[in-house]
PDB file of N, CA and C in Angstrom:
ATOM      1  N   UNK A   1      30.200  -1.138  -7.976  1.00  0.00           N
ATOM      2  CA  UNK A   1      29.356  -2.844  -7.221  1.00  0.00           C
ATOM      3  C   UNK A   1      29.366  -3.023  -5.984  1.00  0.00           C
ATOM      4  N   UNK A   2      30.021  -1.810  -5.700  1.00  0.00           N
ATOM      5  CA  UNK A   2      30.150  -1.805  -3.149  1.00  0.00           C
ATOM      6  C   UNK A   2      29.052  -1.503  -3.297  1.00  0.00           C
ATOM      7  N   UNK A   3      28.727   0.058  -3.975  1.00  0.00           N
ATOM      8  CA  UNK A   3      28.394   0.865  -2.942  1.00  0.00           C
ATOM      9  C   UNK A   3      26.114  -0.069  -3.290  1.00  0.00           C
ATOM     10  N   UNK A   4      27.034  -1.077  -4.561  1.00  0.00           N
ATOM     11  CA  UNK A   4      24.915  -0.701  -4.922  1.00  0.00           C
ATOM     12  C   UNK A   4      25.604  -2.385  -3.801  1.00  0.00           C
ATOM     13  N   UNK A   5      25.538  -2.965  -3.174  1.00  0.00           N
ATOM     14  CA  UNK A   5      26.000  -3.883  -1.722  1.00  0.00           C
ATOM     15  C   UNK A   5      25.269  -2.606  -0.633  1.00  0.00           C
ATOM     16  N   UNK A   6      25.778  -1.832  -0.658  1.00  0.00           N
ATOM     17  CA  UNK A   6      25.089  -1.004   0.552  1.00  0.00           C
ATOM     18  C   UNK A   6      23.740  -0.026   0.511  1.00  0.00           C
ATOM     19  N   UNK A   7      23.218   0.216  -1.038  1.00  0.00           N
ATOM     20  CA  UNK A   7      22.096   1.114  -1.014  1.00  0.00           C
ATOM     21  C   UNK A   7      21.002  -0.199  -1.207  1.00  0.00           C
ATOM     22  N   UNK A   8      21.141  -1.792  -1.325  1.00  0.00           N
ATOM     23  CA  UNK A   8      20.237  -2.416  -1.106  1.00  0.00           C
ATOM     24  C   UNK A   8      19.944  -2.225   1.044  1.00  0.00           C
ATOM     25  N   UNK A   9      20.936  -3.096   0.921  1.00  0.00           N
ATOM     26  CA  UNK A   9      21.326  -3.299   2.667  1.00  0.00           C
ATOM     27  C   UNK A   9      20.499  -2.273   3.299  1.00  0.00           C
ATOM     28  N   UNK A  10      20.664  -0.918   2.535  1.00  0.00           N
ATOM     29  CA  UNK A  10      19.185  -0.153   3.427  1.00  0.00           C
ATOM     30  C   UNK A  10      18.827  -0.551   3.481  1.00  0.00           C
ATOM     31  N   UNK A  11      18.293  -0.162   1.235  1.00  0.00           N
ATOM     32  CA  UNK A  11      16.688   0.025   1.463  1.00  0.00           C
ATOM     33  C   UNK A  11      16.331  -1.009   2.970  1.00  0.00           C
ATOM     34  N   UNK A  12      16.223  -2.199   1.750  1.00  0.00           N
ATOM     35  CA  UNK A  12      15.706  -3.808   2.994  1.00  0.00           C
ATOM     36  C   UNK A  12      16.051  -3.444   4.737  1.00  0.00           C
ATOM     37  N   UNK A  13      17.504  -2.699   5.150  1.00  0.00           N
ATOM     38  CA  UNK A  13      16.684  -2.416   7.006  1.00  0.00           C
ATOM     39  C   UNK A  13      15.367  -1.331   6.916  1.00  0.00           C
ATOM     40  N   UNK A  14      14.915  -0.319   5.905  1.00  0.00           N
ATOM     41  CA  UNK A  14      14.313   0.550   6.133  1.00  0.00           C
ATOM     42  C   UNK A  14      13.149   0.112   5.458  1.00  0.00           C
ATOM     43  N   UNK A  15      12.937  -1.142   4.813  1.00  0.00           N
ATOM     44  CA  UNK A  15      11.538  -1.703   4.618  1.00  0.00           C
ATOM     45  C   UNK A  15      11.120  -2.248   5.728  1.00  0.00           C
ATOM     46  N   UNK A  16      12.620  -2.668   6.017  1.00  0.00           N
ATOM     47  CA  UNK A  16      11.871  -3.644   7.622  1.00  0.00           C
ATOM     48  C   UNK A  16      11.032  -2.892   8.502  1.00  0.00           C
ATOM     49  N   UNK A  17      12.154  -1.722   9.533  1.00  0.00           N
ATOM     50  CA  UNK A  17      11.941  -0.737  10.789  1.00  0.00           C
ATOM     51  C   UNK A  17      10.099  -0.533   9.985  1.00  0.00           C
ATOM     52  N   UNK A  18       9.871  -0.320   8.449  1.00  0.00           N
ATOM     53  CA  UNK A  18       8.710  -0.033   7.906  1.00  0.00           C
ATOM     54  C   UNK A  18       7.113  -1.045   8.185  1.00  0.00           C
ATOM     55  N   UNK A  19       7.462  -1.782   7.933  1.00  0.00           N
ATOM     56  CA  UNK A  19       7.017  -2.947   8.687  1.00  0.00           C
ATOM     57  C   UNK A  19       6.690  -2.946  10.381  1.00  0.00           C
ATOM     58  N   UNK A  20       8.219  -2.834  10.838  1.00  0.00           N
ATOM     59  CA  UNK A  20       7.958  -2.867  12.071  1.00  0.00           C
ATOM     60  C   UNK A  20       6.753  -1.529  13.417  1.00  0.00           C
ATOM     61  N   UNK A  21       7.183  -0.700  11.999  1.00  0.00           N
ATOM     62  CA  UNK A  21       6.177   0.107  12.549  1.00  0.00           C
ATOM     63  C   UNK A  21       4.812  -0.087  11.477  1.00  0.00           C
ATOM     64  N   UNK A  22       4.640  -0.480  10.809  1.00  0.00           N
ATOM     65  CA  UNK A  22       2.713  -0.899  10.486  1.00  0.00           C
ATOM     66  C   UNK A  22       2.436  -2.052  11.585  1.00  0.00           C
ATOM     67  N   UNK A  23       2.878  -2.460  11.855  1.00  0.00           N
ATOM     68  CA  UNK A  23       2.791  -3.764  12.878  1.00  0.00           C
ATOM     69  C   UNK A  23       2.550  -3.500  14.212  1.00  0.00           C
ATOM     70  N   UNK A  24       2.987  -2.567  15.020  1.00  0.00           N
ATOM     71  CA  UNK A  24       2.662  -2.304  16.390  1.00  0.00           C
ATOM     72  C   UNK A  24       1.593  -1.333  15.831  1.00  0.00           C
ATOM     73  N   UNK A  25       1.750  -0.145  14.861  1.00  0.00           N
ATOM     74  CA  UNK A  25       0.346   0.149  14.747  1.00  0.00           C
ATOM     75  C   UNK A  25      -0.811   0.189  14.374  1.00  0.00           C
ATOM     76  N   UNK A  26      -0.814  -1.283  13.928  1.00  0.00           N
ATOM     77  CA  UNK A  26      -1.748  -2.286  13.627  1.00  0.00           C
ATOM     78  C   UNK A  26      -2.664  -2.985  14.576  1.00  0.00           C
ATOM     79  N   UNK A  27      -0.964  -3.211  16.202  1.00  0.00           N
ATOM     80  CA  UNK A  27      -1.115  -3.916  17.493  1.00  0.00           C
ATOM     81  C   UNK A  27      -2.363  -3.034  17.925  1.00  0.00           C
ATOM     82  N   UNK A  28      -1.379  -1.940  18.365  1.00  0.00           N
ATOM     83  CA  UNK A  28      -1.722  -0.717  18.418  1.00  0.00           C
ATOM     84  C   UNK A  28      -3.934  -0.430  18.543  1.00  0.00           C
ATOM     85  N   UNK A  29      -3.723  -0.220  17.098  1.00  0.00           N
ATOM     86  CA  UNK A  29      -5.000  -0.033  16.760  1.00  0.00           C
ATOM     87  C   UNK A  29      -6.180  -1.300  17.895  1.00  0.00           C
ATOM     88  N   UNK A  30      -5.644  -2.812  17.365  1.00  0.00           N
ATOM     89  CA  UNK A  30      -5.864  -3.848  18.044  1.00  0.00           C
ATOM     90  C   UNK A  30      -6.257  -3.894  18.663  1.00  0.00           C
ATOM     91  N   UNK A  31      -5.085  -3.785  19.800  1.00  0.00           N
ATOM     92  CA  UNK A  31      -5.375  -3.676  22.033  1.00  0.00           C
ATOM     93  C   UNK A  31      -6.311  -2.135  22.299  1.00  0.00           C
ATOM     94  N   UNK A  32      -6.445  -1.282  20.960  1.00  0.00           N
ATOM     95  CA  UNK A  32      -7.124   0.072  21.956  1.00  0.00           C
ATOM     96  C   UNK A  32      -8.776  -0.728  21.237  1.00  0.00           C
ATOM     97  N   UNK A  33      -9.469  -1.058  19.775  1.00  0.00           N
ATOM     98  CA  UNK A  33     -10.563  -1.992  20.064  1.00  0.00           C
ATOM     99  C   UNK A  33     -10.801  -3.122  20.997  1.00  0.00           C
ATOM    100  N   UNK A  34     -10.359  -3.283  21.188  1.00  0.00           N
ATOM    101  CA  UNK A  34     -10.533  -4.534  22.608  1.00  0.00           C
ATOM    102  C   UNK A  34     -10.723  -4.069  23.682  1.00  0.00           C
ATOM    103  N   UNK A  35     -10.064  -2.930  23.964  1.00  0.00           N
ATOM    104  CA  UNK A  35     -10.044  -2.707  25.102  1.00  0.00           C
ATOM    105  C   UNK A  35     -11.816  -1.359  25.797  1.00  0.00           C
ATOM    106  N   UNK A  36     -11.821  -0.564  24.355  1.00  0.00           N
ATOM    107  CA  UNK A  36     -13.239   0.030  24.128  1.00  0.00           C
ATOM    108  C   UNK A  36     -14.156  -1.224  24.739  1.00  0.00           C
ATOM    109  N   UNK A  37     -13.706  -2.645  23.911  1.00  0.00           N
ATOM    110  CA  UNK A  37     -14.982  -3.435  23.430  1.00  0.00           C
ATOM    111  C   UNK A  37     -15.092  -3.794  25.364  1.00  0.00           C
ATOM    112  N   UNK A  38     -14.367  -4.251  25.606  1.00  0.00           N
ATOM    113  CA  UNK A  38     -14.194  -4.651  27.417  1.00  0.00           C
ATOM    114  C   UNK A  38     -14.776  -3.712  27.988  1.00  0.00           C
ATOM    115  N   UNK A  39     -14.594  -2.414  28.030  1.00  0.00           N
ATOM    116  CA  UNK A  39     -15.608  -0.837  29.385  1.00  0.00           C
ATOM    117  C   UNK A  39     -16.679  -1.633  28.587  1.00  0.00           C
ATOM    118  N   UNK A  40     -16.851  -1.588  27.230  1.00  0.00           N
ATOM    119  CA  UNK A  40     -18.446  -1.293  26.629  1.00  0.00           C
ATOM    120  C   UNK A  40     -19.496  -2.537  27.255  1.00  0.00           C
ATOM    121  N   UNK A  41     -18.575  -3.754  26.925  1.00  0.00           N
ATOM    122  CA  UNK A  41     -19.540  -4.827  27.839  1.00  0.00           C
ATOM    123  C   UNK A  41     -19.677  -4.031  29.450  1.00  0.00           C
ATOM    124  N   UNK A  42     -18.759  -4.309  30.109  1.00  0.00           N
ATOM    125  CA  UNK A  42     -18.196  -4.501  31.781  1.00  0.00           C
ATOM    126  C   UNK A  42     -19.389  -3.537  32.126  1.00  0.00           C
ATOM    127  N   UNK A  43     -20.095  -2.173  31.473  1.00  0.00           N
ATOM    128  CA  UNK A  43     -20.313  -0.783  31.342  1.00  0.00           C
ATOM    129  C   UNK A  43     -21.742  -1.600  31.509  1.00  0.00           C
ATOM    130  N   UNK A  44     -22.366  -2.773  30.518  1.00  0.00           N
ATOM    131  CA  UNK A  44     -24.010  -3.074  30.454  1.00  0.00           C
ATOM    132  C   UNK A  44     -23.998  -4.100  31.134  1.00  0.00           C
ATOM    133  N   UNK A  45     -22.689  -5.039  31.731  1.00  0.00           N
ATOM    134  CA  UNK A  45     -23.241  -5.821  33.021  1.00  0.00           C
ATOM    135  C   UNK A  45     -23.575  -4.836  34.457  1.00  0.00           C
ATOM    136  N   UNK A  46     -23.189  -3.619  34.432  1.00  0.00           N
ATOM    137  CA  UNK A  46     -23.092  -3.646  35.664  1.00  0.00           C
ATOM    138  C   UNK A  46     -23.906  -2.134  35.088  1.00  0.00           C
TER     139      UNK A  46
END
């Protein structure tokens, strides 16, 4: 029974890091798109 709990804790930890990785990648992609849009607007203005 103890090994079951350990495996469950490791699984939840793995899932949490997976979620963090997904969130950071999504934030990075959104940041890059925003940067490209801002540069494009600045090039249009100037």
